[in-house]
Amino acid sequence: MDQQDPLSERLRKEELSFSKLTNTQAKNLRKDGEKRMLVISDKAELGLTLRNIKSINFVEPNKLNAKHLVSAKKIVVDSENVKNLEDRLINEK
């Protein structure tokens, strides 16, 4: 029996997405406000846009930990930060 990686499974279920987030797109995330959402980006202005939405947790890539990933129902990663996250995951800091 093949055991699936939880993040891979989330990607298949479209609970994990990679996109170039803009402030306009961030405002549209409010529509998904009923879900616990994690937004991973290093854009400070994006964090300011999302900070008052209780169901959205904004985290900078260098502060991301396993607790953030496990507690989120939906994860949105700013595509500009994917390489940094890959390096951290394979310990190439």
Protein backbone atom coordinates (compact mmCIF):
# COMPACT_ATOMS: atom_id res chain seq x y z
CA MET A 1 0.00 0.00 0.00
CA ASP A 2 1.41 3.35 -1.08
CA GLN A 3 1.37 5.98 1.64
CA GLN A 4 0.79 9.51 0.33
CA ASP A 5 2.68 12.57 1.55
CA PRO A 6 0.18 14.92 3.21
CA LEU A 7 1.41 17.94 1.20
CA SER A 8 1.20 15.97 -2.04
CA GLU A 9 -2.32 14.97 -1.16
CA ARG A 10 -3.22 18.58 -0.42
CA LEU A 11 -1.84 19.61 -3.79
CA ARG A 12 -4.04 17.01 -5.51
CA LYS A 13 -7.10 18.22 -3.62
CA GLU A 14 -6.24 21.82 -4.58
CA GLU A 15 -5.79 22.76 -0.92
CA LEU A 16 -2.22 23.78 -1.71
CA SER A 17 -1.55 26.28 -4.45
CA PHE A 18 1.36 28.25 -5.80
CA SER A 19 0.72 31.69 -7.24
CA LYS A 20 2.14 35.18 -7.57
CA LEU A 21 0.02 36.91 -4.99
CA THR A 22 -0.97 40.54 -5.39
CA ASN A 23 -2.92 42.68 -2.94
CA THR A 24 -5.99 42.35 -5.18
CA GLN A 25 -5.76 38.56 -5.10
CA ALA A 26 -5.22 38.68 -1.34
CA LYS A 27 -8.46 40.60 -0.91
CA ASN A 28 -10.23 37.90 -2.90
CA LEU A 29 -9.01 35.31 -0.36
CA ARG A 30 -11.58 36.75 2.06
CA LYS A 31 -14.21 34.78 0.14
CA ASP A 32 -12.60 31.58 1.44
CA GLY A 33 -12.71 33.01 4.95
CA GLU A 34 -14.55 30.05 6.45
CA LYS A 35 -11.44 27.85 6.03
CA ARG A 36 -8.25 28.02 8.07
CA MET A 37 -5.87 29.30 5.43
CA LEU A 38 -2.10 29.71 5.49
CA VAL A 39 -0.47 32.26 3.18
CA ILE A 40 3.32 31.98 2.80
CA SER A 41 5.01 35.06 1.37
CA ASP A 42 7.78 37.53 2.14
CA LYS A 43 5.75 40.53 0.92
CA ALA A 44 5.14 42.79 3.93
CA GLU A 45 2.32 44.70 2.23
CA LEU A 46 0.51 41.40 1.64
CA GLY A 47 0.76 40.63 5.34
CA LEU A 48 -0.77 44.01 6.14
CA THR A 49 -3.64 43.31 3.76
CA LEU A 50 -4.40 39.94 5.38
CA ARG A 51 -3.70 40.65 9.05
CA ASN A 52 -7.29 41.45 10.06
CA ILE A 53 -8.80 38.29 8.58
CA LYS A 54 -9.02 35.84 11.48
CA SER A 55 -9.18 32.71 9.33
CA ILE A 56 -5.98 33.58 7.42
CA ASN A 57 -2.54 33.07 8.93
CA PHE A 58 0.23 34.97 7.11
CA VAL A 59 3.77 33.62 7.59
CA GLU A 60 7.08 34.64 6.10
CA PRO A 61 8.96 31.69 4.52
CA ASN A 62 11.89 31.91 6.96
CA LYS A 63 9.48 31.64 9.94
CA LEU A 64 7.44 28.73 8.60
CA ASN A 65 7.23 25.61 10.76
CA ALA A 66 5.38 22.31 10.78
CA LYS A 67 2.66 23.60 13.11
CA HIS A 68 1.66 26.19 10.50
CA LEU A 69 1.34 23.53 7.80
CA VAL A 70 -0.61 21.06 9.91
CA SER A 71 -3.12 23.56 11.26
CA ALA A 72 -4.10 24.97 7.85
CA LYS A 73 -6.97 23.63 5.75
CA LYS A 74 -5.73 25.48 2.66
CA ILE A 75 -2.18 26.64 1.90
CA VAL A 76 -1.25 29.37 -0.58
CA VAL A 77 2.44 29.84 -1.38
CA ASP A 78 3.78 32.89 -3.19
CA SER A 79 5.56 31.32 -6.16
CA GLU A 80 8.55 33.61 -5.70
CA ASN A 81 9.31 31.83 -2.41
CA VAL A 82 9.13 28.23 -3.60
CA LYS A 83 12.89 27.96 -4.18
CA ASN A 84 13.64 29.26 -0.66
CA LEU A 85 11.25 26.71 0.85
CA GLU A 86 12.79 23.89 -1.19
CA ASP A 87 16.26 24.86 0.05
CA ARG A 88 15.09 24.88 3.66
CA LEU A 89 13.40 21.52 3.32
CA ILE A 90 16.56 19.87 2.00
CA ASN A 91 18.72 21.74 4.57
CA GLU A 92 20.63 23.94 2.14
CA LYS A 93 19.81 27.12 4.09
